[in-house]
Amino acid sequence: MAAIMIATAFGCVALLCVISWPFFDDYRTAVKIQSAGAAAFALYFLMLGSPTAAIACLISCSQLAFPRQCVIAMW
């Protein structure tokens, strides 16, 4: 029962990140919030027993992290 409550908390945090990131003007802040949301979704799916969905979320998180470094390097 406690695991389901913790998983639900991660799901709520992830949903909050998805809803809130468009309201931030700073690119870096928006990417950090998106990354936090993807990581929270990964933990949520992992705790619910869906490793494939968790891996997909981690891939999404890595796609947010690496292009950001490439864009910064170009400047």
PDB file of N, CA and C in Angstrom:
ATOM      1  N   MET A   1       0.818  -1.202   0.000  1.00  0.00           N
ATOM      2  CA  MET A   1       0.000   0.000   0.000  1.00  0.00           C
ATOM      3  C   MET A   1       0.861   1.265   0.000  1.00  0.00           C
ATOM      4  N   ALA A   2       1.940   1.240   0.795  1.00  0.00           N
ATOM      5  CA  ALA A   2       2.815   2.414   0.846  1.00  0.00           C
ATOM      6  C   ALA A   2       3.500   2.651  -0.495  1.00  0.00           C
ATOM      7  N   ALA A   3       3.839   1.564  -1.199  1.00  0.00           N
ATOM      8  CA  ALA A   3       4.490   1.703  -2.509  1.00  0.00           C
ATOM      9  C   ALA A   3       3.563   2.381  -3.512  1.00  0.00           C
ATOM     10  N   ILE A   4       2.289   2.063  -3.445  1.00  0.00           N
ATOM     11  CA  ILE A   4       1.333   2.688  -4.361  1.00  0.00           C
ATOM     12  C   ILE A   4       1.201   4.178  -4.056  1.00  0.00           C
ATOM     13  N   MET A   5       1.228   4.531  -2.780  1.00  0.00           N
ATOM     14  CA  MET A   5       1.144   5.945  -2.410  1.00  0.00           C
ATOM     15  C   MET A   5       2.384   6.712  -2.862  1.00  0.00           C
ATOM     16  N   ILE A   6       3.545   6.087  -2.739  1.00  0.00           N
ATOM     17  CA  ILE A   6       4.786   6.733  -3.190  1.00  0.00           C
ATOM     18  C   ILE A   6       4.784   6.870  -4.703  1.00  0.00           C
ATOM     19  N   ALA A   7       4.331   5.827  -5.400  1.00  0.00           N
ATOM     20  CA  ALA A   7       4.242   5.894  -6.862  1.00  0.00           C
ATOM     21  C   ALA A   7       3.281   7.001  -7.287  1.00  0.00           C
ATOM     22  N   THR A   8       2.168   7.123  -6.592  1.00  0.00           N
ATOM     23  CA  THR A   8       1.205   8.180  -6.901  1.00  0.00           C
ATOM     24  C   THR A   8       1.822   9.559  -6.680  1.00  0.00           C
ATOM     25  N   ALA A   9       2.632   9.688  -5.636  1.00  0.00           N
ATOM     26  CA  ALA A   9       3.303  10.967  -5.389  1.00  0.00           C
ATOM     27  C   ALA A   9       4.252  11.315  -6.535  1.00  0.00           C
ATOM     28  N   PHE A  10       5.020  10.330  -7.020  1.00  0.00           N
ATOM     29  CA  PHE A  10       5.897  10.576  -8.166  1.00  0.00           C
ATOM     30  C   PHE A  10       5.081  10.948  -9.402  1.00  0.00           C
ATOM     31  N   GLY A  11       3.948  10.291  -9.596  1.00  0.00           N
ATOM     32  CA  GLY A  11       3.080  10.625 -10.724  1.00  0.00           C
ATOM     33  C   GLY A  11       2.534  12.036 -10.637  1.00  0.00           C
ATOM     34  N   CYS A  12       2.183  12.463  -9.436  1.00  0.00           N
ATOM     35  CA  CYS A  12       1.680  13.828  -9.246  1.00  0.00           C
ATOM     36  C   CYS A  12       2.771  14.864  -9.503  1.00  0.00           C
ATOM     37  N   VAL A  13       3.978  14.589  -9.022  1.00  0.00           N
ATOM     38  CA  VAL A  13       5.099  15.496  -9.276  1.00  0.00           C
ATOM     39  C   VAL A  13       5.364  15.592 -10.776  1.00  0.00           C
ATOM     40  N   ALA A  14       5.344  14.448 -11.456  1.00  0.00           N
ATOM     41  CA  ALA A  14       5.580  14.436 -12.903  1.00  0.00           C
ATOM     42  C   ALA A  14       4.509  15.228 -13.636  1.00  0.00           C
ATOM     43  N   LEU A  15       3.268  15.044 -13.251  1.00  0.00           N
ATOM     44  CA  LEU A  15       2.176  15.770 -13.892  1.00  0.00           C
ATOM     45  C   LEU A  15       2.293  17.268 -13.639  1.00  0.00           C
ATOM     46  N   LEU A  16       2.680  17.638 -12.441  1.00  0.00           N
ATOM     47  CA  LEU A  16       2.888  19.050 -12.121  1.00  0.00           C
ATOM     48  C   LEU A  16       3.989  19.650 -12.996  1.00  0.00           C
ATOM     49  N   CYS A  17       5.057  18.887 -13.214  1.00  0.00           N
ATOM     50  CA  CYS A  17       6.137  19.359 -14.093  1.00  0.00           C
ATOM     51  C   CYS A  17       5.645  19.545 -15.523  1.00  0.00           C
ATOM     52  N   VAL A  18       4.854  18.601 -16.011  1.00  0.00           N
ATOM     53  CA  VAL A  18       4.333  18.679 -17.381  1.00  0.00           C
ATOM     54  C   VAL A  18       3.428  19.894 -17.544  1.00  0.00           C
ATOM     55  N   ILE A  19       2.642  20.171 -16.525  1.00  0.00           N
ATOM     56  CA  ILE A  19       1.710  21.297 -16.603  1.00  0.00           C
ATOM     57  C   ILE A  19       2.426  22.635 -16.440  1.00  0.00           C
ATOM     58  N   SER A  20       3.476  22.680 -15.619  1.00  0.00           N
ATOM     59  CA  SER A  20       4.063  23.970 -15.267  1.00  0.00           C
ATOM     60  C   SER A  20       5.184  24.460 -16.176  1.00  0.00           C
ATOM     61  N   TRP A  21       5.922  23.574 -16.850  1.00  0.00           N
ATOM     62  CA  TRP A  21       7.096  24.047 -17.576  1.00  0.00           C
ATOM     63  C   TRP A  21       6.800  25.075 -18.666  1.00  0.00           C
ATOM     64  N   PRO A  22       5.640  25.048 -19.348  1.00  0.00           N
ATOM     65  CA  PRO A  22       5.434  26.072 -20.389  1.00  0.00           C
ATOM     66  C   PRO A  22       5.316  27.499 -19.854  1.00  0.00           C
ATOM     67  N   PHE A  23       5.112  27.645 -18.564  1.00  0.00           N
ATOM     68  CA  PHE A  23       4.951  28.982 -17.992  1.00  0.00           C
ATOM     69  C   PHE A  23       6.279  29.660 -17.654  1.00  0.00           C
ATOM     70  N   PHE A  24       7.386  28.977 -17.881  1.00  0.00           N
ATOM     71  CA  PHE A  24       8.690  29.546 -17.594  1.00  0.00           C
ATOM     72  C   PHE A  24       9.324  30.062 -18.882  1.00  0.00           C
ATOM     73  N   ASP A  25       9.848  31.265 -18.832  1.00  0.00           N
ATOM     74  CA  ASP A  25      10.443  31.895 -20.012  1.00  0.00           C
ATOM     75  C   ASP A  25      11.881  31.449 -20.255  1.00  0.00           C
ATOM     76  N   ASP A  26      12.593  31.144 -19.195  1.00  0.00           N
ATOM     77  CA  ASP A  26      13.991  30.766 -19.315  1.00  0.00           C
ATOM     78  C   ASP A  26      14.113  29.336 -19.853  1.00  0.00           C
ATOM     79  N   TYR A  27      14.898  29.186 -20.911  1.00  0.00           N
ATOM     80  CA  TYR A  27      15.059  27.875 -21.555  1.00  0.00           C
ATOM     81  C   TYR A  27      15.625  26.839 -20.592  1.00  0.00           C
ATOM     82  N   ARG A  28      16.648  27.213 -19.854  1.00  0.00           N
ATOM     83  CA  ARG A  28      17.301  26.262 -18.945  1.00  0.00           C
ATOM     84  C   ARG A  28      16.345  25.801 -17.850  1.00  0.00           C
ATOM     85  N   THR A  29      15.560  26.709 -17.337  1.00  0.00           N
ATOM     86  CA  THR A  29      14.598  26.343 -16.298  1.00  0.00           C
ATOM     87  C   THR A  29      13.554  25.380 -16.858  1.00  0.00           C
ATOM     88  N   ALA A  30      13.067  25.665 -18.051  1.00  0.00           N
ATOM     89  CA  ALA A  30      12.064  24.791 -18.664  1.00  0.00           C
ATOM     90  C   ALA A  30      12.623  23.390 -18.897  1.00  0.00           C
ATOM     91  N   VAL A  31      13.864  23.303 -19.346  1.00  0.00           N
ATOM     92  CA  VAL A  31      14.478  21.989 -19.589  1.00  0.00           C
ATOM     93  C   VAL A  31      14.694  21.246 -18.273  1.00  0.00           C
ATOM     94  N   LYS A  32      15.088  21.960 -17.229  1.00  0.00           N
ATOM     95  CA  LYS A  32      15.264  21.318 -15.920  1.00  0.00           C
ATOM     96  C   LYS A  32      13.942  20.761 -15.406  1.00  0.00           C
ATOM     97  N   ILE A  33      12.865  21.517 -15.580  1.00  0.00           N
ATOM     98  CA  ILE A  33      11.561  21.053 -15.125  1.00  0.00           C
ATOM     99  C   ILE A  33      11.099  19.861 -15.962  1.00  0.00           C
ATOM    100  N   GLN A  34      11.315  19.909 -17.267  1.00  0.00           N
ATOM    101  CA  GLN A  34      10.961  18.768 -18.117  1.00  0.00           C
ATOM    102  C   GLN A  34      11.762  17.527 -17.728  1.00  0.00           C
ATOM    103  N   SER A  35      13.027  17.707 -17.442  1.00  0.00           N
ATOM    104  CA  SER A  35      13.873  16.583 -17.034  1.00  0.00           C
ATOM    105  C   SER A  35      13.403  15.994 -15.708  1.00  0.00           C
ATOM    106  N   ALA A  36      13.060  16.860 -14.778  1.00  0.00           N
ATOM    107  CA  ALA A  36      12.547  16.382 -13.489  1.00  0.00           C
ATOM    108  C   ALA A  36      11.242  15.610 -13.680  1.00  0.00           C
ATOM    109  N   GLY A  37      10.394  16.100 -14.580  1.00  0.00           N
ATOM    110  CA  GLY A  37       9.143  15.401 -14.868  1.00  0.00           C
ATOM    111  C   GLY A  37       9.376  14.041 -15.505  1.00  0.00           C
ATOM    112  N   ALA A  38      10.321  13.972 -16.433  1.00  0.00           N
ATOM    113  CA  ALA A  38      10.624  12.691 -17.080  1.00  0.00           C
ATOM    114  C   ALA A  38      11.202  11.705 -16.073  1.00  0.00           C
ATOM    115  N   ALA A  39      12.058  12.191 -15.177  1.00  0.00           N
ATOM    116  CA  ALA A  39      12.629  11.318 -14.146  1.00  0.00           C
ATOM    117  C   ALA A  39      11.549  10.851 -13.172  1.00  0.00           C
ATOM    118  N   ALA A  40      10.643  11.745 -12.803  1.00  0.00           N
ATOM    119  CA  ALA A  40       9.546  11.361 -11.906  1.00  0.00           C
ATOM    120  C   ALA A  40       8.631  10.339 -12.565  1.00  0.00           C
ATOM    121  N   PHE A  41       8.342  10.522 -13.852  1.00  0.00           N
ATOM    122  CA  PHE A  41       7.538   9.525 -14.566  1.00  0.00           C
ATOM    123  C   PHE A  41       8.264   8.186 -14.634  1.00  0.00           C
ATOM    124  N   ALA A  42       9.589   8.222 -14.812  1.00  0.00           N
ATOM    125  CA  ALA A  42      10.357   6.973 -14.850  1.00  0.00           C
ATOM    126  C   ALA A  42      10.221   6.225 -13.525  1.00  0.00           C
ATOM    127  N   LEU A  43      10.360   6.930 -12.421  1.00  0.00           N
ATOM    128  CA  LEU A  43      10.198   6.295 -11.112  1.00  0.00           C
ATOM    129  C   LEU A  43       8.767   5.797 -10.906  1.00  0.00           C
ATOM    130  N   TYR A  44       7.802   6.585 -11.357  1.00  0.00           N
ATOM    131  CA  TYR A  44       6.392   6.203 -11.257  1.00  0.00           C
ATOM    132  C   TYR A  44       6.137   4.877 -11.986  1.00  0.00           C
ATOM    133  N   PHE A  45       6.573   4.797 -13.236  1.00  0.00           N
ATOM    134  CA  PHE A  45       6.346   3.580 -14.009  1.00  0.00           C
ATOM    135  C   PHE A  45       7.143   2.402 -13.462  1.00  0.00           C
ATOM    136  N   LEU A  46       8.346   2.667 -12.985  1.00  0.00           N
ATOM    137  CA  LEU A  46       9.158   1.600 -12.409  1.00  0.00           C
ATOM    138  C   LEU A  46       8.498   1.019 -11.159  1.00  0.00           C
ATOM    139  N   MET A  47       7.956   1.889 -10.330  1.00  0.00           N
ATOM    140  CA  MET A  47       7.287   1.419  -9.111  1.00  0.00           C
ATOM    141  C   MET A  47       5.990   0.679  -9.409  1.00  0.00           C
ATOM    142  N   LEU A  48       5.375   0.981 -10.542  1.00  0.00           N
ATOM    143  CA  LEU A  48       4.152   0.270 -10.926  1.00  0.00           C
ATOM    144  C   LEU A  48       4.454  -1.025 -11.668  1.00  0.00           C
ATOM    145  N   GLY A  49       5.732  -1.300 -11.909  1.00  0.00           N
ATOM    146  CA  GLY A  49       6.110  -2.552 -12.551  1.00  0.00           C
ATOM    147  C   GLY A  49       6.145  -2.513 -14.065  1.00  0.00           C
ATOM    148  N   SER A  50       6.415  -1.350 -14.616  1.00  0.00           N
ATOM    149  CA  SER A  50       6.487  -1.215 -16.067  1.00  0.00           C
ATOM    150  C   SER A  50       7.870  -0.694 -16.466  1.00  0.00           C
ATOM    151  N   PRO A  51       8.859  -1.597 -16.535  1.00  0.00           N
ATOM    152  CA  PRO A  51      10.220  -1.133 -16.832  1.00  0.00           C
ATOM    153  C   PRO A  51      10.377  -0.554 -18.243  1.00  0.00           C
ATOM    154  N   THR A  52       9.583  -1.021 -19.191  1.00  0.00           N
ATOM    155  CA  THR A  52       9.687  -0.497 -20.550  1.00  0.00           C
ATOM    156  C   THR A  52       9.298   0.978 -20.598  1.00  0.00           C
ATOM    157  N   ALA A  53       8.220   1.338 -19.931  1.00  0.00           N
ATOM    158  CA  ALA A  53       7.805   2.743 -19.878  1.00  0.00           C
ATOM    159  C   ALA A  53       8.830   3.581 -19.123  1.00  0.00           C
ATOM    160  N   ALA A  54       9.414   3.013 -18.071  1.00  0.00           N
ATOM    161  CA  ALA A  54      10.437   3.732 -17.314  1.00  0.00           C
ATOM    162  C   ALA A  54      11.661   4.022 -18.181  1.00  0.00           C
ATOM    163  N   ILE A  55      12.068   3.048 -18.974  1.00  0.00           N
ATOM    164  CA  ILE A  55      13.211   3.243 -19.870  1.00  0.00           C
ATOM    165  C   ILE A  55      12.892   4.303 -20.923  1.00  0.00           C
ATOM    166  N   ALA A  56      11.672   4.299 -21.435  1.00  0.00           N
ATOM    167  CA  ALA A  56      11.274   5.322 -22.407  1.00  0.00           C
ATOM    168  C   ALA A  56      11.357   6.716 -21.795  1.00  0.00           C
ATOM    169  N   CYS A  57      10.973   6.854 -20.540  1.00  0.00           N
ATOM    170  CA  CYS A  57      11.072   8.143 -19.853  1.00  0.00           C
ATOM    171  C   CYS A  57      12.530   8.552 -19.649  1.00  0.00           C
ATOM    172  N   LEU A  58      13.380   7.595 -19.335  1.00  0.00           N
ATOM    173  CA  LEU A  58      14.806   7.906 -19.175  1.00  0.00           C
ATOM    174  C   LEU A  58      15.438   8.308 -20.504  1.00  0.00           C
ATOM    175  N   ILE A  59      14.999   7.684 -21.589  1.00  0.00           N
ATOM    176  CA  ILE A  59      15.477   8.092 -22.914  1.00  0.00           C
ATOM    177  C   ILE A  59      15.047   9.526 -23.200  1.00  0.00           C
ATOM    178  N   SER A  60      13.818   9.849 -22.858  1.00  0.00           N
ATOM    179  CA  SER A  60      13.327  11.213 -23.021  1.00  0.00           C
ATOM    180  C   SER A  60      14.160  12.196 -22.209  1.00  0.00           C
ATOM    181  N   CYS A  61      14.494  11.811 -20.999  1.00  0.00           N
ATOM    182  CA  CYS A  61      15.312  12.660 -20.129  1.00  0.00           C
ATOM    183  C   CYS A  61      16.703  12.877 -20.740  1.00  0.00           C
ATOM    184  N   SER A  62      17.269  11.830 -21.295  1.00  0.00           N
ATOM    185  CA  SER A  62      18.598  11.969 -21.907  1.00  0.00           C
ATOM    186  C   SER A  62      18.538  12.840 -23.160  1.00  0.00           C
ATOM    187  N   GLN A  63      17.440  12.773 -23.905  1.00  0.00           N
ATOM    188  CA  GLN A  63      17.309  13.631 -25.082  1.00  0.00           C
ATOM    189  C   GLN A  63      17.204  15.102 -24.693  1.00  0.00           C
ATOM    190  N   LEU A  64      16.646  15.358 -23.522  1.00  0.00           N
ATOM    191  CA  LEU A  64      16.589  16.739 -23.050  1.00  0.00           C
ATOM    192  C   LEU A  64      17.966  17.231 -22.618  1.00  0.00           C
ATOM    193  N   ALA A  65      18.767  16.357 -22.058  1.00  0.00           N
ATOM    194  CA  ALA A  65      20.054  16.761 -21.499  1.00  0.00           C
ATOM    195  C   ALA A  65      21.109  16.977 -22.581  1.00  0.00           C
ATOM    196  N   PHE A  66      21.230  16.071 -23.531  1.00  0.00           N
ATOM    197  CA  PHE A  66      22.329  16.143 -24.490  1.00  0.00           C
ATOM    198  C   PHE A  66      22.183  17.250 -25.527  1.00  0.00           C
ATOM    199  N   PRO A  67      21.021  17.473 -26.139  1.00  0.00           N
ATOM    200  CA  PRO A  67      20.948  18.589 -27.094  1.00  0.00           C
ATOM    201  C   PRO A  67      21.197  19.937 -26.439  1.00  0.00           C
ATOM    202  N   ARG A  68      20.833  20.071 -25.181  1.00  0.00           N
ATOM    203  CA  ARG A  68      21.068  21.319 -24.468  1.00  0.00           C
ATOM    204  C   ARG A  68      22.552  21.608 -24.420  1.00  0.00           C
ATOM    205  N   GLN A  69      23.361  20.602 -24.167  1.00  0.00           N
ATOM    206  CA  GLN A  69      24.805  20.808 -24.134  1.00  0.00           C
ATOM    207  C   GLN A  69      25.345  21.133 -25.514  1.00  0.00           C
ATOM    208  N   CYS A  70      24.759  20.573 -26.553  1.00  0.00           N
ATOM    209  CA  CYS A  70      25.209  20.865 -27.918  1.00  0.00           C
ATOM    210  C   CYS A  70      24.867  22.302 -28.299  1.00  0.00           C
ATOM    211  N   VAL A  71      23.690  22.756 -27.910  1.00  0.00           N
ATOM    212  CA  VAL A  71      23.279  24.130 -28.237  1.00  0.00           C
ATOM    213  C   VAL A  71      24.175  25.114 -27.503  1.00  0.00           C
ATOM    214  N   ILE A  72      24.476  24.838 -26.251  1.00  0.00           N
ATOM    215  CA  ILE A  72      25.347  25.722 -25.490  1.00  0.00           C
ATOM    216  C   ILE A  72      26.753  25.737 -26.081  1.00  0.00           C
ATOM    217  N   ALA A  73      27.225  24.580 -26.532  1.00  0.00           N
ATOM    218  CA  ALA A  73      28.562  24.493 -27.108  1.00  0.00           C
ATOM    219  C   ALA A  73      28.665  25.287 -28.415  1.00  0.00           C
ATOM    220  N   MET A  74      27.565  25.400 -29.148  1.00  0.00           N
ATOM    221  CA  MET A  74      27.573  26.130 -30.412  1.00  0.00           C
ATOM    222  C   MET A  74      27.739  27.632 -30.174  1.00  0.00           C
ATOM    223  N   TRP A  75      27.308  28.124 -29.035  1.00  0.00           N
ATOM    224  CA  TRP A  75      27.404  29.548 -28.751  1.00  0.00           C
ATOM    225  C   TRP A  75      28.770  29.860 -28.311  1.00  0.00           C
TER     226      TRP A  75
END
